[in-house]
Amino acid sequence: MVEYFINQVMQDGGERPGLDGVRFKKITKVENASLVEPFTRIEIEGVVKEGDGNKSLGPNGFNFAFMKRFWYLLKDEVRIMFDQFHANEVFPKSLLAYFVTLIPKVSSLMSLKEFRSISLLGGQYKLLVNVLARRLASVMDFIISMSQLAFVKGRNFVINGGFFQENKKGMLGAKGGL
């Protein structure tokens, strides 16, 4: 069973597309500094207060609601974790440990392909990732092209349809083809 799921995520070593000649947008030095500055109590507590506490339990049996309820007891220890992460620039190994469980996709199982594997991550990992995601969100609109649809909050096909309509002459060229 383990070998089956390892093979699902392994790369085949085939030829991969390159990015030679692609020009990427860059953030300013000020924006970069805002991404790497030490974490503040306000940004950490903001994620804790706004987080959904009713999602699945972590590997320790607690969900995010536990962290919200007992924040007054946990906040100093969590702050130490953030400070250590910032100073060392690596995730503590304890945060990278998680359980993988298999969820059946269908009612009568015939093979391993009919399971969905999910990981149960701890609340501290989720908190750290959410704080980092908020920081990245501050520069996302600048570095991600307006033609990008997926995974950008607030963008959808309707918006991109308007973008295409506004820019189709330049995109289609004189002969009307892409």
Protein backbone atom coordinates (compact mmCIF):
# COMPACT_ATOMS: atom_id res chain seq x y z
CA MET A 1 0.00 0.00 0.00
CA VAL A 2 2.79 2.45 0.88
CA GLU A 3 4.54 1.76 -2.43
CA TYR A 4 1.35 2.52 -4.37
CA PHE A 5 1.04 6.03 -2.86
CA ILE A 6 4.78 6.73 -3.16
CA ASN A 7 4.49 6.00 -6.88
CA GLN A 8 1.59 8.45 -7.12
CA VAL A 9 3.79 11.40 -6.12
CA MET A 10 7.15 10.40 -7.61
CA GLN A 11 8.40 12.21 -10.71
CA ASP A 12 9.12 10.10 -13.77
CA GLY A 13 12.28 12.03 -14.64
CA GLY A 14 10.95 12.94 -18.09
CA GLU A 15 11.59 16.20 -19.85
CA ARG A 16 10.16 19.21 -18.07
CA PRO A 17 9.21 22.56 -19.56
CA GLY A 18 11.70 25.37 -19.09
CA LEU A 19 11.24 29.02 -18.26
CA ASP A 20 14.07 30.43 -20.34
CA GLY A 21 13.18 33.88 -21.62
CA VAL A 22 10.18 34.35 -19.32
CA ARG A 23 10.29 37.68 -17.54
CA PHE A 24 8.82 37.70 -14.05
CA LYS A 25 7.57 40.73 -12.19
CA LYS A 26 9.64 41.68 -9.17
CA ILE A 27 8.62 43.12 -5.85
CA THR A 28 10.29 46.21 -4.43
CA LYS A 29 12.86 46.19 -1.64
CA VAL A 30 10.22 47.62 0.70
CA GLU A 31 7.76 44.85 -0.19
CA ASN A 32 10.47 42.25 0.25
CA ALA A 33 11.36 43.68 3.67
CA SER A 34 7.71 43.40 4.72
CA LEU A 35 7.75 39.70 3.83
CA VAL A 36 10.83 38.88 5.89
CA GLU A 37 10.43 41.13 8.93
CA PRO A 38 9.90 39.54 12.37
CA PHE A 39 6.36 38.40 13.09
CA THR A 40 4.18 40.66 15.19
CA ARG A 41 1.79 39.72 17.94
CA ILE A 42 -0.99 41.49 16.03
CA GLU A 43 -0.59 39.48 12.81
CA ILE A 44 -0.42 36.16 14.70
CA GLU A 45 -3.45 36.95 16.85
CA GLY A 46 -5.36 38.15 13.78
CA VAL A 47 -5.03 34.73 12.19
CA VAL A 48 -6.00 32.99 15.44
CA LYS A 49 -9.11 35.13 15.93
CA GLU A 50 -10.28 34.80 12.32
CA GLY A 51 -9.43 31.09 11.91
CA ASP A 52 -12.14 28.46 11.52
CA GLY A 53 -11.94 26.33 14.64
CA ASN A 54 -14.38 23.65 13.51
CA LYS A 55 -12.26 21.88 10.92
CA SER A 56 -10.77 18.41 11.33
CA LEU A 57 -8.65 17.44 14.30
CA GLY A 58 -4.90 17.52 14.08
CA PRO A 59 -2.66 14.54 14.90
CA ASN A 60 -2.74 15.53 18.58
CA GLY A 61 -6.55 15.32 18.68
CA PHE A 62 -7.13 19.08 18.88
CA ASN A 63 -8.56 21.39 16.27
CA PHE A 64 -8.04 25.12 15.85
CA ALA A 65 -10.93 25.86 18.23
CA PHE A 66 -8.69 24.64 21.05
CA MET A 67 -6.04 27.21 20.15
CA LYS A 68 -8.65 29.98 19.96
CA ARG A 69 -10.22 29.04 23.30
CA PHE A 70 -6.92 28.80 25.17
CA TRP A 71 -5.01 31.51 23.31
CA TYR A 72 -4.38 33.38 26.56
CA LEU A 73 -2.36 30.35 27.77
CA LEU A 74 -0.72 29.44 24.45
CA LYS A 75 0.20 32.84 23.00
CA ASP A 76 3.64 33.12 24.65
CA GLU A 77 4.71 29.63 23.53
CA VAL A 78 3.37 30.24 20.02
CA ARG A 79 5.26 33.53 19.86
CA ILE A 80 8.49 31.70 20.79
CA MET A 81 7.84 29.24 17.94
CA PHE A 82 7.37 32.12 15.47
CA ASP A 83 10.52 33.86 16.71
CA GLN A 84 12.52 30.62 16.34
CA PHE A 85 11.14 30.07 12.86
CA HIS A 86 12.12 33.59 11.86
CA ALA A 87 15.61 33.30 13.35
CA ASN A 88 16.37 29.82 11.95
CA GLU A 89 14.48 30.19 8.64
CA VAL A 90 13.29 26.57 8.76
CA PHE A 91 10.19 24.81 10.00
CA PRO A 92 10.79 23.03 13.31
CA LYS A 93 10.87 19.28 12.64
CA SER A 94 7.98 18.76 15.04
CA LEU A 95 5.74 20.82 12.73
CA LEU A 96 6.57 18.68 9.72
CA ALA A 97 5.34 15.47 11.34
CA TYR A 98 1.80 14.53 10.41
CA PHE A 99 -0.46 11.54 9.91
CA VAL A 100 -1.79 10.38 6.57
CA THR A 101 -5.16 8.72 6.49
CA LEU A 102 -7.14 7.13 3.65
CA ILE A 103 -10.70 8.25 2.93
CA PRO A 104 -12.82 5.99 0.68
CA LYS A 105 -14.11 7.67 -2.49
CA VAL A 106 -16.76 5.00 -3.14
CA SER A 107 -18.86 2.72 -0.93
CA SER A 108 -17.59 -0.67 -2.19
CA LEU A 109 -13.81 -0.54 -2.42
CA MET A 110 -11.99 -2.65 -4.99
CA SER A 111 -8.52 -1.06 -5.20
CA LEU A 112 -6.26 1.57 -3.62
CA LYS A 113 -7.18 3.99 -6.41
CA GLU A 114 -10.57 4.31 -4.74
CA PHE A 115 -9.08 6.01 -1.67
CA ARG A 116 -8.20 9.66 -1.25
CA SER A 117 -5.18 10.26 0.98
CA ILE A 118 -5.28 13.26 3.30
CA SER A 119 -2.80 14.54 5.84
CA LEU A 120 -3.67 15.61 9.35
CA LEU A 121 -1.53 18.63 10.11
CA GLY A 122 -1.15 20.19 13.52
CA GLY A 123 -2.63 23.53 14.53
CA GLN A 124 0.75 25.24 14.94
CA TYR A 125 1.70 24.36 11.35
CA LYS A 126 -1.63 25.65 10.08
CA LEU A 127 -1.21 28.87 12.06
CA LEU A 128 2.29 29.47 10.71
CA VAL A 129 1.25 28.77 7.12
CA ASN A 130 -1.76 31.09 7.41
CA VAL A 131 0.37 33.94 8.77
CA LEU A 132 2.82 33.42 5.89
CA ALA A 133 -0.07 33.30 3.39
CA ARG A 134 -1.37 36.63 4.66
CA ARG A 135 2.02 38.18 4.14
CA LEU A 136 2.22 36.87 0.59
CA ALA A 137 -1.29 38.14 -0.13
CA SER A 138 0.01 41.68 0.30
CA VAL A 139 2.12 41.37 -2.87
CA MET A 140 0.11 38.82 -4.87
CA ASP A 141 -1.89 41.32 -6.90
CA PHE A 142 1.33 42.87 -8.15
CA ILE A 143 3.27 39.71 -9.04
CA ILE A 144 0.42 37.61 -10.45
CA SER A 145 -0.80 38.56 -13.91
CA MET A 146 -4.42 39.67 -14.32
CA SER A 147 -4.86 36.78 -16.75
CA GLN A 148 -4.26 34.30 -13.92
CA LEU A 149 -7.57 32.80 -12.79
CA ALA A 150 -6.91 29.99 -10.40
CA PHE A 151 -5.85 30.29 -6.78
CA VAL A 152 -6.12 34.08 -6.58
CA LYS A 153 -8.78 35.37 -4.20
CA GLY A 154 -11.41 37.49 -5.91
CA ARG A 155 -10.65 36.43 -9.49
CA ASN A 156 -12.89 34.27 -11.62
CA PHE A 157 -13.84 33.51 -15.21
CA VAL A 158 -16.24 36.46 -15.42
CA ILE A 159 -13.44 38.90 -14.59
CA ASN A 160 -11.12 37.22 -17.08
CA GLY A 161 -13.82 37.29 -19.74
CA GLY A 162 -13.89 41.06 -19.35
CA PHE A 163 -10.08 41.18 -19.49
CA PHE A 164 -10.15 39.22 -22.76
CA GLN A 165 -12.84 41.46 -24.26
CA GLU A 166 -10.86 44.59 -23.38
CA ASN A 167 -7.60 43.22 -24.79
CA LYS A 168 -8.68 40.91 -27.63
CA LYS A 169 -7.49 43.17 -30.44
CA GLY A 170 -3.93 43.12 -29.13
CA MET A 171 -4.10 39.40 -28.36
CA LEU A 172 -5.61 38.33 -31.69
CA GLY A 173 -3.41 40.50 -33.87
CA ALA A 174 -4.21 41.81 -37.32
CA LYS A 175 -5.34 38.46 -38.76
CA GLY A 176 -7.67 37.60 -35.87
CA GLY A 177 -5.78 34.55 -34.63
CA LEU A 178 -3.88 33.81 -31.45
